[in-house]
N, C-alpha and C. Protein backbone atom coordinates (compact mmCIF):
# COMPACT_ATOMS: atom_id res chain seq x y z
N MET A 1 142.40 112.33 95.85
CA MET A 1 142.11 113.04 97.07
C MET A 1 141.82 114.49 96.72
N THR A 2 140.76 115.04 97.29
CA THR A 2 140.41 116.42 97.02
C THR A 2 140.93 117.32 98.14
N ILE A 3 141.23 118.54 97.78
CA ILE A 3 141.70 119.51 98.76
C ILE A 3 140.47 120.16 99.40
N LYS A 4 140.42 120.13 100.70
CA LYS A 4 139.30 120.72 101.43
C LYS A 4 139.35 122.24 101.30
N GLU A 5 138.21 122.82 100.98
CA GLU A 5 138.12 124.28 100.85
C GLU A 5 138.24 124.93 102.23
N LYS A 6 138.99 126.02 102.30
CA LYS A 6 139.18 126.74 103.56
C LYS A 6 137.84 127.33 104.00
N SER A 7 137.50 127.12 105.27
CA SER A 7 136.19 127.54 105.77
C SER A 7 136.17 128.98 106.26
N TRP A 8 137.28 129.68 106.19
CA TRP A 8 137.34 131.05 106.68
C TRP A 8 138.27 131.87 105.79
N ILE A 9 138.14 133.20 105.92
CA ILE A 9 139.04 134.10 105.18
C ILE A 9 139.73 135.03 106.18
N GLU A 10 140.85 135.57 105.76
CA GLU A 10 141.61 136.48 106.62
C GLU A 10 141.14 137.92 106.39
N GLU A 11 141.63 138.82 107.23
CA GLU A 11 141.18 140.21 107.21
C GLU A 11 141.46 140.89 105.87
N ALA A 12 142.61 140.61 105.26
CA ALA A 12 142.95 141.23 103.97
C ALA A 12 141.94 140.84 102.89
N GLU A 13 141.52 139.57 102.89
CA GLU A 13 140.52 139.11 101.93
C GLU A 13 139.15 139.72 102.23
N PHE A 14 138.83 139.82 103.52
CA PHE A 14 137.54 140.37 103.94
C PHE A 14 137.40 141.83 103.50
N GLU A 15 138.47 142.60 103.61
CA GLU A 15 138.43 144.02 103.25
C GLU A 15 138.16 144.23 101.77
N LYS A 16 138.47 143.26 100.93
CA LYS A 16 138.25 143.37 99.49
C LYS A 16 136.79 143.12 99.09
N LEU A 17 136.00 142.56 100.01
CA LEU A 17 134.61 142.25 99.70
C LEU A 17 133.75 143.51 99.68
N SER A 18 132.64 143.43 98.96
CA SER A 18 131.70 144.55 98.94
C SER A 18 130.94 144.59 100.27
N ARG A 19 130.28 145.70 100.52
CA ARG A 19 129.54 145.87 101.78
C ARG A 19 128.48 144.77 101.95
N SER A 20 127.77 144.44 100.89
CA SER A 20 126.72 143.41 100.99
C SER A 20 127.33 142.03 101.23
N GLU A 21 128.49 141.76 100.66
CA GLU A 21 129.16 140.47 100.88
C GLU A 21 129.69 140.36 102.31
N LYS A 22 130.13 141.49 102.87
CA LYS A 22 130.66 141.48 104.24
C LYS A 22 129.59 141.08 105.25
N LYS A 23 128.34 141.37 104.96
CA LYS A 23 127.24 141.03 105.87
C LYS A 23 127.03 139.52 105.98
N GLU A 24 127.60 138.77 105.06
CA GLU A 24 127.45 137.32 105.06
C GLU A 24 128.49 136.63 105.94
N TYR A 25 129.37 137.41 106.58
CA TYR A 25 130.45 136.84 107.38
C TYR A 25 130.34 137.25 108.84
N ILE A 26 130.89 136.41 109.69
CA ILE A 26 130.96 136.70 111.12
C ILE A 26 132.44 136.67 111.52
N LYS A 27 132.82 137.60 112.39
CA LYS A 27 134.22 137.76 112.78
C LYS A 27 134.50 137.00 114.07
N GLU A 28 135.60 136.26 114.06
CA GLU A 28 136.04 135.54 115.25
C GLU A 28 137.49 135.91 115.52
N TRP A 29 137.80 136.16 116.78
CA TRP A 29 139.17 136.45 117.17
C TRP A 29 139.84 135.16 117.63
N GLY A 30 140.96 134.83 117.03
CA GLY A 30 141.80 133.73 117.47
C GLY A 30 142.96 134.31 118.26
N CYS A 31 143.08 133.91 119.51
CA CYS A 31 144.08 134.49 120.40
C CYS A 31 145.11 133.44 120.79
N ILE A 32 146.37 133.88 120.88
CA ILE A 32 147.46 133.02 121.34
C ILE A 32 148.21 133.79 122.42
N CYS A 33 148.35 133.16 123.59
CA CYS A 33 149.10 133.77 124.68
C CYS A 33 150.58 133.67 124.36
N ASN A 34 151.28 134.78 124.44
CA ASN A 34 152.72 134.79 124.15
C ASN A 34 153.54 134.27 125.33
N GLU A 35 152.91 134.04 126.48
CA GLU A 35 153.61 133.53 127.65
C GLU A 35 153.53 132.00 127.72
N CYS A 36 152.30 131.45 127.67
CA CYS A 36 152.13 130.00 127.86
C CYS A 36 151.70 129.28 126.58
N ARG A 37 151.51 130.02 125.47
CA ARG A 37 151.14 129.49 124.15
C ARG A 37 149.73 128.89 124.12
N ASN A 38 148.90 129.21 125.10
CA ASN A 38 147.51 128.75 125.12
C ASN A 38 146.73 129.44 124.00
N LYS A 39 145.78 128.71 123.40
CA LYS A 39 144.95 129.26 122.31
C LYS A 39 143.49 129.28 122.75
N TRP A 40 142.78 130.33 122.36
CA TRP A 40 141.35 130.42 122.59
C TRP A 40 140.74 131.32 121.54
N HIS A 41 139.42 131.26 121.42
CA HIS A 41 138.69 132.01 120.40
C HIS A 41 137.46 132.64 121.04
N TYR A 42 137.05 133.77 120.48
CA TYR A 42 135.76 134.36 120.86
C TYR A 42 135.23 135.19 119.70
N LEU A 43 133.92 135.33 119.67
CA LEU A 43 133.28 136.09 118.60
C LEU A 43 133.39 137.58 118.85
N ASP A 44 133.59 138.32 117.78
CA ASP A 44 133.68 139.77 117.85
C ASP A 44 132.37 140.38 118.35
N SER A 45 131.26 139.69 118.11
CA SER A 45 129.96 140.21 118.54
C SER A 45 129.87 140.33 120.06
N ILE A 46 130.60 139.51 120.80
CA ILE A 46 130.62 139.61 122.26
C ILE A 46 131.25 140.93 122.68
N GLU A 47 132.38 141.26 122.06
CA GLU A 47 133.07 142.52 122.36
C GLU A 47 132.20 143.72 121.97
N LYS A 48 131.52 143.63 120.83
CA LYS A 48 130.63 144.71 120.39
C LYS A 48 129.47 144.89 121.36
N GLU A 49 128.92 143.79 121.87
CA GLU A 49 127.82 143.87 122.83
C GLU A 49 128.26 144.55 124.12
N ILE A 50 129.47 144.25 124.58
CA ILE A 50 130.00 144.90 125.78
C ILE A 50 130.15 146.40 125.54
N ASN A 51 130.68 146.78 124.38
CA ASN A 51 130.81 148.21 124.04
C ASN A 51 129.45 148.90 123.98
N PHE A 52 128.46 148.22 123.40
CA PHE A 52 127.11 148.76 123.29
C PHE A 52 126.50 148.98 124.68
N GLN A 53 126.65 148.00 125.56
CA GLN A 53 126.11 148.13 126.92
C GLN A 53 126.80 149.25 127.69
N THR A 54 128.11 149.38 127.51
CA THR A 54 128.86 150.45 128.17
C THR A 54 128.36 151.82 127.72
N ARG A 55 128.17 151.98 126.41
CA ARG A 55 127.67 153.24 125.86
C ARG A 55 126.26 153.55 126.40
N ASN A 56 125.40 152.54 126.43
CA ASN A 56 124.04 152.75 126.95
C ASN A 56 124.06 153.14 128.42
N ASN A 57 124.92 152.51 129.20
CA ASN A 57 125.02 152.85 130.62
C ASN A 57 125.50 154.29 130.80
N SER A 58 126.44 154.71 129.96
CA SER A 58 126.95 156.08 130.04
C SER A 58 125.85 157.09 129.72
N LEU A 59 125.05 156.79 128.70
CA LEU A 59 123.94 157.68 128.34
C LEU A 59 122.88 157.71 129.43
N LEU A 60 122.62 156.57 130.04
CA LEU A 60 121.67 156.52 131.14
C LEU A 60 122.18 157.35 132.32
N GLY A 61 123.46 157.26 132.58
CA GLY A 61 124.06 158.04 133.66
C GLY A 61 123.98 159.53 133.41
N LEU A 62 124.10 159.94 132.14
CA LEU A 62 123.97 161.37 131.80
C LEU A 62 122.56 161.87 132.08
N GLY A 63 121.58 161.06 131.73
CA GLY A 63 120.19 161.45 131.93
C GLY A 63 119.79 161.51 133.40
N MET A 64 120.50 160.79 134.23
CA MET A 64 120.17 160.73 135.65
C MET A 64 121.28 161.33 136.51
N CYS A 65 121.92 162.37 136.01
CA CYS A 65 123.08 162.94 136.71
C CYS A 65 122.74 163.51 138.08
N CYS A 66 121.50 163.88 138.30
CA CYS A 66 121.10 164.45 139.60
C CYS A 66 120.74 163.36 140.61
N ASN A 67 120.66 162.12 140.16
CA ASN A 67 120.33 161.01 141.04
C ASN A 67 121.61 160.21 141.29
N PRO A 68 122.24 160.36 142.44
CA PRO A 68 123.52 159.70 142.69
C PRO A 68 123.44 158.17 142.67
N CYS A 69 122.28 157.61 142.99
CA CYS A 69 122.15 156.14 143.00
C CYS A 69 122.27 155.57 141.59
N VAL A 70 121.62 156.21 140.63
CA VAL A 70 121.68 155.75 139.24
C VAL A 70 123.09 155.94 138.69
N ALA A 71 123.69 157.09 138.98
CA ALA A 71 125.05 157.35 138.50
C ALA A 71 126.02 156.32 139.06
N LEU A 72 125.87 155.97 140.33
CA LEU A 72 126.75 154.97 140.95
C LEU A 72 126.53 153.59 140.35
N SER A 73 125.27 153.22 140.12
CA SER A 73 125.00 151.88 139.58
C SER A 73 125.50 151.75 138.15
N THR A 74 125.35 152.80 137.32
CA THR A 74 125.86 152.72 135.95
C THR A 74 127.38 152.71 135.94
N SER A 75 128.00 153.42 136.88
CA SER A 75 129.46 153.41 136.99
C SER A 75 129.96 152.02 137.37
N ASN A 76 129.28 151.37 138.32
CA ASN A 76 129.65 150.01 138.72
C ASN A 76 129.44 149.02 137.58
N ALA A 77 128.35 149.19 136.84
CA ALA A 77 128.08 148.30 135.70
C ALA A 77 129.16 148.46 134.64
N ASN A 78 129.58 149.70 134.36
CA ASN A 78 130.63 149.93 133.37
C ASN A 78 131.97 149.35 133.83
N THR A 79 132.23 149.39 135.13
CA THR A 79 133.46 148.78 135.66
C THR A 79 133.44 147.28 135.41
N GLN A 80 132.30 146.65 135.67
CA GLN A 80 132.15 145.21 135.44
C GLN A 80 132.32 144.88 133.95
N LEU A 81 131.73 145.68 133.09
CA LEU A 81 131.84 145.45 131.65
C LEU A 81 133.27 145.61 131.16
N SER A 82 134.00 146.60 131.67
CA SER A 82 135.39 146.78 131.25
C SER A 82 136.25 145.62 131.74
N GLN A 83 135.93 145.06 132.91
CA GLN A 83 136.65 143.89 133.40
C GLN A 83 136.37 142.67 132.52
N GLN A 84 135.11 142.52 132.07
CA GLN A 84 134.77 141.42 131.17
C GLN A 84 135.51 141.55 129.85
N LYS A 85 135.59 142.77 129.34
CA LYS A 85 136.29 143.01 128.07
C LYS A 85 137.78 142.70 128.21
N ALA A 86 138.38 143.11 129.32
CA ALA A 86 139.80 142.82 129.56
C ALA A 86 140.02 141.32 129.70
N LYS A 87 139.06 140.63 130.31
CA LYS A 87 139.18 139.18 130.49
C LYS A 87 139.14 138.45 129.15
N LEU A 88 138.33 138.96 128.21
CA LEU A 88 138.28 138.37 126.86
C LEU A 88 139.65 138.42 126.19
N LYS A 89 140.37 139.52 126.43
CA LYS A 89 141.64 139.75 125.74
C LYS A 89 142.85 139.23 126.51
N SER A 90 142.62 138.58 127.64
CA SER A 90 143.75 138.02 128.39
C SER A 90 143.61 136.50 128.47
N CYS A 91 144.72 135.84 128.68
CA CYS A 91 144.78 134.38 128.65
C CYS A 91 143.95 133.77 129.79
N PRO A 92 143.03 132.85 129.45
CA PRO A 92 142.24 132.21 130.50
C PRO A 92 143.05 131.24 131.36
N LYS A 93 144.20 130.82 130.84
CA LYS A 93 145.03 129.85 131.57
C LYS A 93 145.96 130.53 132.57
N CYS A 94 146.72 131.54 132.10
CA CYS A 94 147.72 132.17 132.98
C CYS A 94 147.37 133.62 133.34
N GLY A 95 146.37 134.21 132.68
CA GLY A 95 145.95 135.58 132.99
C GLY A 95 146.78 136.66 132.33
N SER A 96 147.74 136.30 131.50
CA SER A 96 148.60 137.29 130.85
C SER A 96 147.82 138.09 129.81
N SER A 97 148.16 139.36 129.68
CA SER A 97 147.57 140.19 128.62
C SER A 97 148.52 140.32 127.43
N ASN A 98 149.64 139.60 127.47
CA ASN A 98 150.59 139.56 126.37
C ASN A 98 150.07 138.54 125.36
N VAL A 99 149.18 139.01 124.48
CA VAL A 99 148.41 138.14 123.60
C VAL A 99 148.51 138.63 122.16
N THR A 100 148.56 137.69 121.23
CA THR A 100 148.48 138.00 119.81
C THR A 100 147.09 137.60 119.34
N ARG A 101 146.38 138.57 118.73
CA ARG A 101 145.02 138.31 118.24
C ARG A 101 145.01 138.37 116.72
N ASN A 102 144.33 137.40 116.11
CA ASN A 102 144.17 137.37 114.66
C ASN A 102 142.69 137.21 114.35
N ALA A 103 142.21 138.02 113.42
CA ALA A 103 140.80 137.95 113.03
C ALA A 103 140.62 136.93 111.91
N LYS A 104 139.56 136.14 112.05
CA LYS A 104 139.15 135.21 111.00
C LYS A 104 137.68 135.48 110.73
N PHE A 105 137.29 135.38 109.48
CA PHE A 105 135.92 135.65 109.08
C PHE A 105 135.31 134.38 108.51
N PHE A 106 134.21 133.94 109.12
CA PHE A 106 133.52 132.73 108.70
C PHE A 106 132.20 133.11 108.04
N LYS A 107 131.86 132.38 106.98
CA LYS A 107 130.59 132.63 106.30
C LYS A 107 129.45 132.13 107.18
N LYS A 108 128.42 132.98 107.33
CA LYS A 108 127.24 132.59 108.12
C LYS A 108 126.50 131.48 107.40
N GLN A 109 125.93 130.59 108.19
CA GLN A 109 125.18 129.48 107.58
C GLN A 109 123.71 129.59 107.83
């Protein structure tokens, strides 16, 4: 019987890789709710995209500071994005934010 090779590496192993080797991996968050023990996963790229959109909305709001409609719409969009980000980090089953997150890095295929 052969031992199956582990398909992912932990953060400590990932940090030891060179910059070019790190580009070959994708980060996934494994979450466990400390209240109901529910498990779920999501890609780090989703969280990065939310941060990117929030930053872009803030810059758009700065450029349109004299137009209250644009400022209000970007503010509302950022509120929605922050709610989405909080939802990623809270349990989908019970809604608790008492969560333990562990990063796993998978090699891109």
